[in-house]
Amino acid sequence: MYRLTVALAFILASAPGHGTETTLELTDTTTGQPVADAIVILENGPEQAAITAEIVQKNREFQPRTLVIPEGSIVHFPNRDNTQHHVYSFSPARIFNIELYAGKPEEPIIFDQTGVVEIGCNIHDHMQAFILVTDSAPAGRTDEQGRLIIELPQRVDAEDAGLLIWHPRLSDNTRVAQFSIQSPYPDTLDLSLELSPEPATDDRLDSLQKRFREL
């Protein structure tokens, strides 16, 4: 299983290490443009204890829209709108269904399996959020120029470093993109992702909503 917020809630890896600093430069394969706000995770990186977090429903949006949490964490879904919401996911990493409600559900949701969890609202078609459940702390996220300084580990056996990258506009955003970085590591690491176009802001059903209604 791969290892996996913008406050999006973001957990930064803080453990000291011995390695090589490399500047990641991430671009869109199709347009050649920098990719901002991509979440970058080093495989076999420092672990983190489970936490308690929340995704708020406010102004008919999920806030944050992307949350990264350690495996075993619990998440509350308070509704701070003056209308009810119906929050659900049928992602393999965590299937759940909080039927029409206002206020705060009595029970939070436990996320005990790594993976990407896509969340929607069955009442408001445009609402969408993602939870990335990981057993390795994120190294950070790319800036507006698609850059991030990361520390790649120096291994005695010269084994390649594994890098995991996720972005909501990945052609398949239910998975992370996986890269193998060969040693010796370069000063600048040029990688690219295949991204989908920016979504249109109209009222048509998105793909998640369509899948829900087909169940």
C-alpha atoms as a PDB file:
ATOM      1  CA  MET A   1       0.000   0.000   0.000  1.00  0.00           C
ATOM      2  CA  TYR A   2       1.380   3.398  -0.905  1.00  0.00           C
ATOM      3  CA  ARG A   3       2.256   5.888   1.783  1.00  0.00           C
ATOM      4  CA  LEU A   4       0.861   8.682   1.796  1.00  0.00           C
ATOM      5  CA  THR A   5      -3.787  19.017   4.278  1.00  0.00           C
ATOM      6  CA  VAL A   6      -3.961  23.348   1.753  1.00  0.00           C
ATOM      7  CA  ALA A   7      -5.294  24.637   4.646  1.00  0.00           C
ATOM      8  CA  LEU A   8      -5.906  22.886   3.415  1.00  0.00           C
ATOM      9  CA  ALA A   9      -4.552  21.363   6.698  1.00  0.00           C
ATOM     10  CA  PHE A  10      -0.884  20.522   6.266  1.00  0.00           C
ATOM     11  CA  ILE A  11       1.337  18.394   8.479  1.00  0.00           C
ATOM     12  CA  LEU A  12       5.035  19.085   7.910  1.00  0.00           C
ATOM     13  CA  ALA A  13       7.724  16.500   8.507  1.00  0.00           C
ATOM     14  CA  SER A  14       9.790  17.786  11.400  1.00  0.00           C
ATOM     15  CA  ALA A  15      12.147  14.956  12.214  1.00  0.00           C
ATOM     16  CA  PRO A  16      15.815  15.757  11.586  1.00  0.00           C
ATOM     17  CA  GLY A  17      17.599  13.587   9.080  1.00  0.00           C
ATOM     18  CA  HIS A  18      20.755  13.043   7.096  1.00  0.00           C
ATOM     19  CA  GLY A  19      20.316  13.441   3.395  1.00  0.00           C
ATOM     20  CA  THR A  20      20.689  15.581   0.313  1.00  0.00           C
ATOM     21  CA  GLU A  21      18.625  18.726  -0.245  1.00  0.00           C
ATOM     22  CA  THR A  22      17.071  18.808  -3.689  1.00  0.00           C
ATOM     23  CA  THR A  23      14.812  21.415  -5.290  1.00  0.00           C
ATOM     24  CA  LEU A  24      11.797  19.740  -6.834  1.00  0.00           C
ATOM     25  CA  GLU A  25      10.381  21.569  -9.875  1.00  0.00           C
ATOM     26  CA  LEU A  26       6.985  20.171 -10.818  1.00  0.00           C
ATOM     27  CA  THR A  27       5.206  20.906 -14.113  1.00  0.00           C
ATOM     28  CA  ASP A  28       2.023  19.906 -15.920  1.00  0.00           C
ATOM     29  CA  THR A  29       2.833  17.382 -18.640  1.00  0.00           C
ATOM     30  CA  THR A  30       0.268  18.844 -21.049  1.00  0.00           C
ATOM     31  CA  THR A  31       0.797  22.594 -20.627  1.00  0.00           C
ATOM     32  CA  GLY A  32       4.333  22.786 -19.258  1.00  0.00           C
ATOM     33  CA  GLN A  33       3.067  25.142 -16.547  1.00  0.00           C
ATOM     34  CA  PRO A  34       4.204  24.924 -12.887  1.00  0.00           C
ATOM     35  CA  VAL A  35       2.012  22.812 -10.612  1.00  0.00           C
ATOM     36  CA  ALA A  36       1.204  24.595  -7.340  1.00  0.00           C
ATOM     37  CA  ASP A  37      -0.250  23.017  -4.189  1.00  0.00           C
ATOM     38  CA  ALA A  38       0.870  19.478  -4.964  1.00  0.00           C
ATOM     39  CA  ILE A  39       1.370  17.373  -1.848  1.00  0.00           C
ATOM     40  CA  VAL A  40       4.777  15.665  -1.753  1.00  0.00           C
ATOM     41  CA  ILE A  41       5.539  12.665   0.434  1.00  0.00           C
ATOM     42  CA  LEU A  42       8.786  10.747   0.857  1.00  0.00           C
ATOM     43  CA  GLU A  43       8.304   7.006   1.082  1.00  0.00           C
ATOM     44  CA  ASN A  44       9.539   5.501   4.342  1.00  0.00           C
ATOM     45  CA  GLY A  45       9.660   9.005   5.794  1.00  0.00           C
ATOM     46  CA  PRO A  46       9.066   9.894   9.458  1.00  0.00           C
ATOM     47  CA  GLU A  47       5.904   8.486  10.983  1.00  0.00           C
ATOM     48  CA  GLN A  48       3.347  10.535  12.902  1.00  0.00           C
ATOM     49  CA  ALA A  49       0.874   9.745  15.650  1.00  0.00           C
ATOM     50  CA  ALA A  50      -2.838   9.765  14.866  1.00  0.00           C
ATOM     51  CA  ILE A  51      -4.604  13.098  15.349  1.00  0.00           C
ATOM     52  CA  THR A  52      -8.103  14.557  15.675  1.00  0.00           C
ATOM     53  CA  ALA A  53      -9.082  16.888  12.826  1.00  0.00           C
ATOM     54  CA  GLU A  54     -12.188  18.315  11.218  1.00  0.00           C
ATOM     55  CA  ILE A  55     -13.627  19.255   7.846  1.00  0.00           C
ATOM     56  CA  VAL A  56     -16.191  22.024   8.250  1.00  0.00           C
ATOM     57  CA  GLN A  57     -19.140  22.602   5.964  1.00  0.00           C
ATOM     58  CA  LYS A  58     -19.524  26.371   5.601  1.00  0.00           C
ATOM     59  CA  ASN A  59     -20.898  28.517   2.767  1.00  0.00           C
ATOM     60  CA  ARG A  60     -21.788  25.232   1.080  1.00  0.00           C
ATOM     61  CA  GLU A  61     -18.157  24.254   0.812  1.00  0.00           C
ATOM     62  CA  PHE A  62     -15.880  21.809   2.575  1.00  0.00           C
ATOM     63  CA  GLN A  63     -13.150  23.621   4.534  1.00  0.00           C
ATOM     64  CA  PRO A  64     -10.418  22.563   4.057  1.00  0.00           C
ATOM     65  CA  ARG A  65     -10.948  20.936   0.682  1.00  0.00           C
ATOM     66  CA  THR A  66      -7.842  18.792   1.138  1.00  0.00           C
ATOM     67  CA  LEU A  67      -6.746  17.252   4.423  1.00  0.00           C
ATOM     68  CA  VAL A  68      -3.752  14.998   5.047  1.00  0.00           C
ATOM     69  CA  ILE A  69      -3.863  12.930   8.209  1.00  0.00           C
ATOM     70  CA  PRO A  70      -1.863  10.058   9.728  1.00  0.00           C
ATOM     71  CA  GLU A  71      -3.354   6.597   9.616  1.00  0.00           C
ATOM     72  CA  GLY A  72      -5.677   5.977  12.570  1.00  0.00           C
ATOM     73  CA  SER A  73      -6.814   9.617  12.878  1.00  0.00           C
ATOM     74  CA  ILE A  74     -10.405  10.676  13.484  1.00  0.00           C
ATOM     75  CA  VAL A  75     -12.212  13.457  11.628  1.00  0.00           C
ATOM     76  CA  HIS A  76     -15.306  15.436  12.670  1.00  0.00           C
ATOM     77  CA  PHE A  77     -17.654  16.933  10.044  1.00  0.00           C
ATOM     78  CA  PRO A  78     -19.416  19.908  11.702  1.00  0.00           C
ATOM     79  CA  ASN A  79     -22.090  21.631   9.646  1.00  0.00           C
ATOM     80  CA  ARG A  80     -21.946  25.417  10.175  1.00  0.00           C
ATOM     81  CA  ASP A  81     -24.377  26.280   7.412  1.00  0.00           C
ATOM     82  CA  ASN A  82     -28.042  27.111   7.895  1.00  0.00           C
ATOM     83  CA  THR A  83     -28.948  24.213   5.627  1.00  0.00           C
ATOM     84  CA  GLN A  84     -28.482  20.487   6.051  1.00  0.00           C
ATOM     85  CA  HIS A  85     -25.792  18.400   4.379  1.00  0.00           C
ATOM     86  CA  HIS A  86     -25.372  14.733   3.546  1.00  0.00           C
ATOM     87  CA  VAL A  87     -21.692  13.754   3.586  1.00  0.00           C
ATOM     88  CA  TYR A  88     -20.487  10.506   2.059  1.00  0.00           C
ATOM     89  CA  SER A  89     -17.564   8.607   0.555  1.00  0.00           C
ATOM     90  CA  PHE A  90     -17.364   5.285  -1.235  1.00  0.00           C
ATOM     91  CA  SER A  91     -13.573   5.368  -1.712  1.00  0.00           C
ATOM     92  CA  PRO A  92     -11.980   1.980  -0.902  1.00  0.00           C
ATOM     93  CA  ALA A  93      -9.765   3.568   1.783  1.00  0.00           C
ATOM     94  CA  ARG A  94     -12.870   4.615   3.765  1.00  0.00           C
ATOM     95  CA  ILE A  95     -16.524   4.156   2.918  1.00  0.00           C
ATOM     96  CA  PHE A  96     -18.970   6.125   5.077  1.00  0.00           C
ATOM     97  CA  ASN A  97     -22.325   7.875   4.926  1.00  0.00           C
ATOM     98  CA  ILE A  98     -23.508  10.686   7.242  1.00  0.00           C
ATOM     99  CA  GLU A  99     -27.120  11.173   6.259  1.00  0.00           C
ATOM    100  CA  LEU A 100     -28.895  14.535   6.160  1.00  0.00           C
ATOM    101  CA  TYR A 101     -27.943  16.513   9.282  1.00  0.00           C
ATOM    102  CA  ALA A 102     -27.321  19.924  10.841  1.00  0.00           C
ATOM    103  CA  GLY A 103     -24.860  20.819  13.597  1.00  0.00           C
ATOM    104  CA  LYS A 104     -22.255  18.224  14.514  1.00  0.00           C
ATOM    105  CA  PRO A 105     -22.679  14.471  14.115  1.00  0.00           C
ATOM    106  CA  GLU A 106     -22.354  12.556  17.367  1.00  0.00           C
ATOM    107  CA  GLU A 107     -19.707  10.185  16.050  1.00  0.00           C
ATOM    108  CA  PRO A 108     -16.572  11.179  14.098  1.00  0.00           C
ATOM    109  CA  ILE A 109     -15.185   9.047  11.292  1.00  0.00           C
ATOM    110  CA  ILE A 110     -12.070   6.952  11.921  1.00  0.00           C
ATOM    111  CA  PHE A 111      -9.601   6.666   9.029  1.00  0.00           C
ATOM    112  CA  ASP A 112      -7.573   3.530   9.676  1.00  0.00           C
ATOM    113  CA  GLN A 113      -6.435   2.665   6.162  1.00  0.00           C
ATOM    114  CA  THR A 114      -3.990   4.574   3.974  1.00  0.00           C
ATOM    115  CA  GLY A 115      -5.223   5.980   0.697  1.00  0.00           C
ATOM    116  CA  VAL A 116      -7.131   8.819  -0.959  1.00  0.00           C
ATOM    117  CA  VAL A 117     -10.686   9.383   0.277  1.00  0.00           C
ATOM    118  CA  GLU A 118     -12.948  11.439  -1.997  1.00  0.00           C
ATOM    119  CA  ILE A 119     -15.854  13.152  -0.192  1.00  0.00           C
ATOM    120  CA  GLY A 120     -19.068  14.634  -1.552  1.00  0.00           C
ATOM    121  CA  CYS A 121     -22.431  16.012  -0.435  1.00  0.00           C
ATOM    122  CA  ASN A 122     -25.543  14.366  -1.798  1.00  0.00           C
ATOM    123  CA  ILE A 123     -27.522  17.611  -1.418  1.00  0.00           C
ATOM    124  CA  HIS A 124     -25.066  20.073  -2.977  1.00  0.00           C
ATOM    125  CA  ASP A 125     -23.554  18.647  -6.133  1.00  0.00           C
ATOM    126  CA  HIS A 126     -20.567  20.998  -6.344  1.00  0.00           C
ATOM    127  CA  MET A 127     -19.206  20.185  -2.879  1.00  0.00           C
ATOM    128  CA  GLN A 128     -16.076  18.018  -2.953  1.00  0.00           C
ATOM    129  CA  ALA A 129     -13.112  17.376  -0.670  1.00  0.00           C
ATOM    130  CA  PHE A 130     -10.263  14.888  -0.327  1.00  0.00           C
ATOM    131  CA  ILE A 131      -8.646  13.231   2.676  1.00  0.00           C
ATOM    132  CA  LEU A 132      -5.210  11.669   2.206  1.00  0.00           C
ATOM    133  CA  VAL A 133      -4.519   9.066   4.869  1.00  0.00           C
ATOM    134  CA  THR A 134      -0.803   8.377   5.221  1.00  0.00           C
ATOM    135  CA  ASP A 135       1.702   6.467   7.307  1.00  0.00           C
ATOM    136  CA  SER A 136       4.529   8.817   6.312  1.00  0.00           C
ATOM    137  CA  ALA A 137       4.572  12.542   7.072  1.00  0.00           C
ATOM    138  CA  PRO A 138       4.339  14.938   4.101  1.00  0.00           C
ATOM    139  CA  ALA A 139       7.536  16.752   3.082  1.00  0.00           C
ATOM    140  CA  GLY A 140       5.474  19.801   2.089  1.00  0.00           C
ATOM    141  CA  ARG A 141       3.613  21.233  -0.878  1.00  0.00           C
ATOM    142  CA  THR A 142       4.797  22.995  -3.992  1.00  0.00           C
ATOM    143  CA  ASP A 143       4.650  26.802  -4.196  1.00  0.00           C
ATOM    144  CA  GLU A 144       3.183  28.922  -7.009  1.00  0.00           C
ATOM    145  CA  GLN A 145       6.272  28.170  -9.130  1.00  0.00           C
ATOM    146  CA  GLY A 146       5.820  24.448  -8.614  1.00  0.00           C
ATOM    147  CA  ARG A 147       8.907  24.254  -6.390  1.00  0.00           C
ATOM    148  CA  LEU A 148       9.655  22.557  -3.098  1.00  0.00           C
ATOM    149  CA  ILE A 149      12.961  21.901  -1.328  1.00  0.00           C
ATOM    150  CA  ILE A 150      13.019  18.332  -0.078  1.00  0.00           C
ATOM    151  CA  GLU A 151      15.609  16.217   1.694  1.00  0.00           C
ATOM    152  CA  LEU A 152      16.241  12.867   0.066  1.00  0.00           C
ATOM    153  CA  PRO A 153      17.778  10.229   2.344  1.00  0.00           C
ATOM    154  CA  GLN A 154      21.275   8.889   1.820  1.00  0.00           C
ATOM    155  CA  ARG A 155      21.036   5.117   1.957  1.00  0.00           C
ATOM    156  CA  VAL A 156      23.942   2.827   2.691  1.00  0.00           C
ATOM    157  CA  ASP A 157      22.750   0.341   0.097  1.00  0.00           C
ATOM    158  CA  ALA A 158      22.349   3.124  -2.531  1.00  0.00           C
ATOM    159  CA  GLU A 159      18.696   2.182  -2.912  1.00  0.00           C
ATOM    160  CA  ASP A 160      16.596   4.640  -4.935  1.00  0.00           C
ATOM    161  CA  ALA A 161      14.373   7.084  -3.040  1.00  0.00           C
ATOM    162  CA  GLY A 162      10.616   6.797  -3.519  1.00  0.00           C
ATOM    163  CA  LEU A 163       8.595   9.994  -3.947  1.00  0.00           C
ATOM    164  CA  LEU A 164       4.793  10.195  -3.849  1.00  0.00           C
ATOM    165  CA  ILE A 165       2.938  13.230  -5.235  1.00  0.00           C
ATOM    166  CA  TRP A 166      -0.786  14.033  -5.171  1.00  0.00           C
ATOM    167  CA  HIS A 167      -2.839  16.864  -6.669  1.00  0.00           C
ATOM    168  CA  PRO A 168      -6.641  17.212  -6.924  1.00  0.00           C
ATOM    169  CA  ARG A 169      -6.401  17.565 -10.725  1.00  0.00           C
ATOM    170  CA  LEU A 170      -4.420  14.404 -11.332  1.00  0.00           C
ATOM    171  CA  SER A 171      -5.952  12.454 -14.200  1.00  0.00           C
ATOM    172  CA  ASP A 172      -6.728   9.837 -11.530  1.00  0.00           C
ATOM    173  CA  ASN A 173      -6.938  11.772  -8.252  1.00  0.00           C
ATOM    174  CA  THR A 174      -7.935   8.677  -6.313  1.00  0.00           C
ATOM    175  CA  ARG A 175      -4.276   7.623  -6.384  1.00  0.00           C
ATOM    176  CA  VAL A 176      -0.873   9.174  -5.839  1.00  0.00           C
ATOM    177  CA  ALA A 177       1.769   9.466  -8.544  1.00  0.00           C
ATOM    178  CA  GLN A 178       4.867   7.430  -7.722  1.00  0.00           C
ATOM    179  CA  PHE A 179       8.442   8.302  -8.704  1.00  0.00           C
ATOM    180  CA  SER A 180      11.741   6.543  -8.138  1.00  0.00           C
ATOM    181  CA  ILE A 181      14.700   8.936  -7.668  1.00  0.00           C
ATOM    182  CA  GLN A 182      18.097   7.476  -8.415  1.00  0.00           C
ATOM    183  CA  SER A 183      21.182   8.208  -6.329  1.00  0.00           C
ATOM    184  CA  PRO A 184      23.319  10.310  -6.590  1.00  0.00           C
ATOM    185  CA  TYR A 185      20.510  12.845  -6.332  1.00  0.00           C
ATOM    186  CA  PRO A 186      20.509  15.953  -8.558  1.00  0.00           C
ATOM    187  CA  ASP A 187      20.479  19.512  -7.191  1.00  0.00           C
ATOM    188  CA  THR A 188      17.274  20.117  -9.157  1.00  0.00           C
ATOM    189  CA  LEU A 189      14.702  17.419  -9.685  1.00  0.00           C
ATOM    190  CA  ASP A 190      12.402  17.976 -12.680  1.00  0.00           C
ATOM    191  CA  LEU A 191       9.186  15.962 -12.542  1.00  0.00           C
ATOM    192  CA  SER A 192       5.835  16.279 -14.288  1.00  0.00           C
ATOM    193  CA  LEU A 193       2.239  15.244 -13.659  1.00  0.00           C
ATOM    194  CA  GLU A 194      -0.603  14.664 -16.090  1.00  0.00           C
ATOM    195  CA  LEU A 195      -3.351  17.013 -14.861  1.00  0.00           C
ATOM    196  CA  SER A 196      -6.948  17.435 -15.937  1.00  0.00           C
ATOM    197  CA  PRO A 197      -8.109  20.919 -17.056  1.00  0.00           C
ATOM    198  CA  GLU A 198      -9.500  23.302 -14.453  1.00  0.00           C
ATOM    199  CA  PRO A 199     -13.117  22.253 -13.790  1.00  0.00           C
ATOM    200  CA  ALA A 200     -15.919  24.400 -15.170  1.00  0.00           C
ATOM    201  CA  THR A 201     -17.916  26.311 -12.557  1.00  0.00           C
ATOM    202  CA  ASP A 202     -21.399  25.342 -13.672  1.00  0.00           C
ATOM    203  CA  ASP A 203     -24.225  23.417 -12.038  1.00  0.00           C
ATOM    204  CA  ARG A 204     -23.866  20.088 -13.808  1.00  0.00           C
ATOM    205  CA  LEU A 205     -23.280  16.972 -11.763  1.00  0.00           C
ATOM    206  CA  ASP A 206     -19.637  16.153 -11.197  1.00  0.00           C
ATOM    207  CA  SER A 207     -18.351  12.596 -11.659  1.00  0.00           C
ATOM    208  CA  LEU A 208     -18.470  11.803  -7.937  1.00  0.00           C
ATOM    209  CA  GLN A 209     -22.128  12.840  -7.716  1.00  0.00           C
ATOM    210  CA  LYS A 210     -22.991  10.784 -10.788  1.00  0.00           C
ATOM    211  CA  ARG A 211     -21.378   7.700  -9.271  1.00  0.00           C
ATOM    212  CA  PHE A 212     -23.293   8.219  -6.018  1.00  0.00           C
ATOM    213  CA  ARG A 213     -26.638   8.378  -7.812  1.00  0.00           C
ATOM    214  CA  GLU A 214     -25.836   5.236  -9.784  1.00  0.00           C
ATOM    215  CA  LEU A 215     -25.527   3.206  -6.574  1.00  0.00           C
END
